Amino acid sequence: MDTLANRFDALANEMNEFYSLEFLSDYDEYEKNKKIKSNIIQLIIDAENYGDTSIREGAVNLLFDNTGCQEDFEILEQLFAPLFASGILDKKLLEDRLKQSPLSRWS
C-alpha cells in the first residue's frame, strides 16, 4: 500500500499535469478534474484517520490552491460531504479557506 506521502506527491503531480492536458471535450476535462479532487479528499480523510496532520493540511491546501473558478467550486460542493461528516471541515473553516484560495478574487 502506498504511503500517505507517496499518495500526496502523486496527486500533487497529477493535479499539476492536469492543467497541461488536452481533452476531447469539456465533459472529459470536468470528469478528470473531479476524479483528482475526489482522490485528494479521500487522502485528506485517510490522513485524518491516521493522525497525519501534515499530510492532511498539505492535501487541504492542494485542494483549495487548485480551486479557482466556479466549475472548480461546483466540483468541491459535490465532494465536501465526507469532510463535513468527519468534522475535518466546518462552515467557518470553509469560509476561511475560500478567502485564502484563488476564489477570493471573485468576492
Protein backbone atom coordinates (compact mmCIF):
# COMPACT_ATOMS: atom_id res chain seq x y z
CA MET A 1 0.00 0.00 0.00
CA ASP A 2 1.25 3.46 -0.87
CA THR A 3 2.21 5.68 1.98
CA LEU A 4 0.23 8.85 2.55
CA ALA A 5 3.24 10.92 1.49
CA ASN A 6 3.58 8.99 -1.77
CA ARG A 7 -0.12 9.43 -2.47
CA PHE A 8 0.14 13.14 -1.75
CA ASP A 9 3.11 13.53 -4.12
CA ALA A 10 1.35 11.56 -6.85
CA LEU A 11 -1.83 13.62 -6.52
CA ALA A 12 0.10 16.91 -6.48
CA ASN A 13 1.87 15.85 -9.68
CA GLU A 14 -1.38 14.69 -11.25
CA MET A 15 -3.07 17.99 -10.38
CA ASN A 16 -0.17 19.98 -11.86
CA GLU A 17 -0.14 17.88 -15.03
CA PHE A 18 -3.91 18.25 -15.39
CA TYR A 19 -3.52 21.87 -16.47
CA SER A 20 -1.32 20.95 -19.43
CA LEU A 21 -3.53 18.14 -20.72
CA GLU A 22 -5.75 18.45 -23.75
CA PHE A 23 -9.20 16.89 -23.59
CA LEU A 24 -11.60 15.79 -26.29
CA SER A 25 -14.50 17.51 -24.56
CA ASP A 26 -15.34 19.81 -21.68
CA TYR A 27 -17.06 16.86 -20.05
CA ASP A 28 -13.85 14.80 -20.12
CA GLU A 29 -11.93 17.69 -18.58
CA TYR A 30 -14.58 18.15 -15.89
CA GLU A 31 -14.60 14.46 -15.01
CA LYS A 32 -10.79 14.27 -14.77
CA ASN A 33 -10.73 17.35 -12.53
CA LYS A 34 -13.46 15.86 -10.35
CA LYS A 35 -11.67 12.49 -10.11
CA ILE A 36 -8.40 14.08 -8.98
CA LYS A 37 -10.18 16.23 -6.40
CA SER A 38 -12.16 13.24 -5.17
CA ASN A 39 -8.88 11.39 -4.64
CA ILE A 40 -7.45 14.38 -2.76
CA ILE A 41 -10.49 14.40 -0.48
CA GLN A 42 -10.04 10.69 0.19
CA LEU A 43 -6.40 11.36 1.06
CA ILE A 44 -7.49 14.10 3.50
CA ILE A 45 -9.83 11.64 5.20
CA ASP A 46 -7.19 8.90 5.32
CA ALA A 47 -4.59 11.31 6.72
CA GLU A 48 -7.08 12.40 9.39
CA ASN A 49 -7.78 8.77 10.30
CA TYR A 50 -4.04 8.05 10.62
CA GLY A 51 -3.40 11.24 12.59
CA ASP A 52 -1.08 12.68 9.95
CA THR A 53 -1.86 16.39 10.26
CA SER A 54 0.98 17.41 7.95
CA ILE A 55 -0.35 15.40 5.01
CA ARG A 56 -3.94 16.38 5.85
CA GLU A 57 -3.10 20.09 5.80
CA GLY A 58 -0.96 19.73 2.69
CA ALA A 59 -3.80 17.97 0.89
CA VAL A 60 -6.34 20.59 2.04
CA ASN A 61 -4.02 23.30 0.70
CA LEU A 62 -3.56 21.39 -2.56
CA LEU A 63 -7.32 21.16 -2.93
CA PHE A 64 -8.03 24.83 -2.26
CA ASP A 65 -4.99 26.09 -4.20
CA ASN A 66 -6.43 24.35 -7.25
CA THR A 67 -9.93 25.75 -6.86
CA GLY A 68 -10.01 28.96 -8.82
CA CYS A 69 -13.18 29.08 -10.86
CA GLN A 70 -16.89 28.45 -10.49
CA GLU A 71 -16.61 24.97 -12.02
CA ASP A 72 -13.91 24.01 -9.51
CA PHE A 73 -16.10 25.21 -6.66
CA GLU A 74 -19.10 23.28 -8.01
CA ILE A 75 -16.97 20.14 -8.01
CA LEU A 76 -15.95 20.73 -4.40
CA GLU A 77 -19.55 21.31 -3.36
CA GLN A 78 -20.34 17.84 -4.70
CA LEU A 79 -17.42 16.27 -2.85
CA PHE A 80 -17.33 18.09 0.52
CA ALA A 81 -19.89 15.94 2.38
CA PRO A 82 -17.36 13.45 3.83
CA LEU A 83 -15.18 16.29 5.13
CA PHE A 84 -18.12 17.86 6.93
CA ALA A 85 -19.35 14.49 8.21
CA SER A 86 -15.95 13.64 9.68
CA GLY A 87 -15.52 17.09 11.26
CA ILE A 88 -12.43 17.89 9.20
CA LEU A 89 -14.26 20.86 7.70
CA ASP A 90 -16.98 23.11 9.07
CA LYS A 91 -18.68 26.23 7.73
CA LYS A 92 -16.25 28.68 9.34
CA LEU A 93 -13.16 26.78 8.21
CA LEU A 94 -14.60 26.54 4.70
CA GLU A 95 -15.18 30.30 4.63
CA ASP A 96 -11.63 30.94 5.89
CA ARG A 97 -10.13 28.60 3.31
CA LEU A 98 -12.13 30.16 0.49
CA LYS A 99 -10.86 33.62 1.47
CA GLN A 100 -7.30 32.31 1.12
CA SER A 101 -7.94 30.47 -2.15
CA PRO A 102 -7.82 31.73 -5.73
CA LEU A 103 -11.63 32.00 -5.48
CA SER A 104 -11.20 35.05 -3.24
CA ARG A 105 -10.56 37.18 -6.31
CA TRP A 106 -14.25 36.83 -7.17
CA SER A 107 -15.53 38.13 -3.83
